[in-house]
Amino acid sequence: STDGNISISQCETMDGLKLQLPTTDYASFLQNTPSPLSAWCTDALVSEFQYLQQNAAEPISKFLDYIT
């Protein structure tokens, strides 16, 4: 939701983020999420990035290789 995104953008800590996520469209991601949330977020980001990198075509695949 738009209101949730404004709240998330104002979070300065992971604890603040944890408090705001249940009020957003991302609440379902928290249901089975292990603690700490920051480690889970990092793992999820890496997994998504690797998926993009493996499935990208030139020239974006070269760029993704470069930034890793």
Protein backbone atom coordinates (compact mmCIF):
# COMPACT_ATOMS: atom_id res chain seq x y z
CA SER A 1 0.00 0.00 0.00
CA THR A 2 1.10 3.55 -0.59
CA ASP A 3 0.70 4.56 3.05
CA GLY A 4 2.85 1.59 4.12
CA ASN A 5 5.58 2.53 1.68
CA ILE A 6 5.79 6.01 3.16
CA SER A 7 6.16 4.50 6.63
CA ILE A 8 8.81 2.02 5.42
CA SER A 9 10.83 4.77 3.79
CA GLN A 10 10.97 6.56 7.12
CA CYS A 11 12.29 3.55 9.08
CA GLU A 12 15.79 4.03 10.39
CA THR A 13 16.31 0.60 11.98
CA MET A 14 15.37 -3.02 11.28
CA ASP A 15 13.14 -2.95 14.37
CA GLY A 16 11.25 -0.03 12.87
CA LEU A 17 10.93 -1.91 9.59
CA LYS A 18 9.58 -4.98 11.39
CA LEU A 19 6.92 -2.82 13.02
CA GLN A 20 5.83 -1.28 9.70
CA LEU A 21 5.82 -4.34 7.41
CA PRO A 22 2.66 -5.93 8.86
CA THR A 23 0.67 -2.88 7.74
CA THR A 24 1.82 -3.24 4.11
CA ASP A 25 1.31 -5.59 1.19
CA TYR A 26 4.52 -7.31 2.33
CA ALA A 27 2.99 -8.70 5.53
CA SER A 28 2.69 -12.19 3.99
CA PHE A 29 6.49 -12.34 3.67
CA LEU A 30 6.82 -12.18 7.46
CA GLN A 31 4.61 -15.17 8.26
CA ASN A 32 7.34 -17.82 7.93
CA THR A 33 10.37 -15.59 8.09
CA PRO A 34 13.11 -16.65 10.50
CA SER A 35 14.92 -14.18 12.69
CA PRO A 36 16.97 -12.10 12.29
CA LEU A 37 15.04 -10.34 9.59
CA SER A 38 18.14 -8.61 8.19
CA ALA A 39 19.82 -11.95 7.42
CA TRP A 40 16.66 -13.22 5.75
CA CYS A 41 16.36 -10.03 3.67
CA THR A 42 19.97 -10.32 2.56
CA ASP A 43 19.53 -13.97 1.57
CA ALA A 44 16.34 -13.16 -0.33
CA LEU A 45 18.01 -10.27 -2.16
CA VAL A 46 21.01 -12.40 -3.13
CA SER A 47 18.74 -15.19 -4.35
CA GLU A 48 16.65 -12.82 -6.48
CA PHE A 49 19.75 -11.13 -7.88
CA GLN A 50 21.30 -14.49 -8.82
CA TYR A 51 18.08 -15.49 -10.55
CA LEU A 52 18.09 -12.26 -12.57
CA GLN A 53 21.78 -12.68 -13.37
CA GLN A 54 21.32 -16.25 -14.60
CA ASN A 55 18.33 -15.38 -16.77
CA ALA A 56 19.39 -12.03 -18.18
CA ALA A 57 20.33 -11.44 -21.80
CA GLU A 58 23.03 -9.10 -23.10
CA PRO A 59 23.70 -6.27 -22.38
CA ILE A 60 22.09 -6.46 -18.92
CA SER A 61 23.79 -9.80 -18.12
CA LYS A 62 27.19 -8.20 -18.66
CA PHE A 63 26.22 -5.30 -16.40
CA LEU A 64 25.02 -7.66 -13.66
CA ASP A 65 28.29 -9.60 -13.89
CA TYR A 66 30.17 -6.34 -13.62
CA ILE A 67 28.44 -5.14 -10.48
CA THR A 68 28.99 -8.45 -8.69
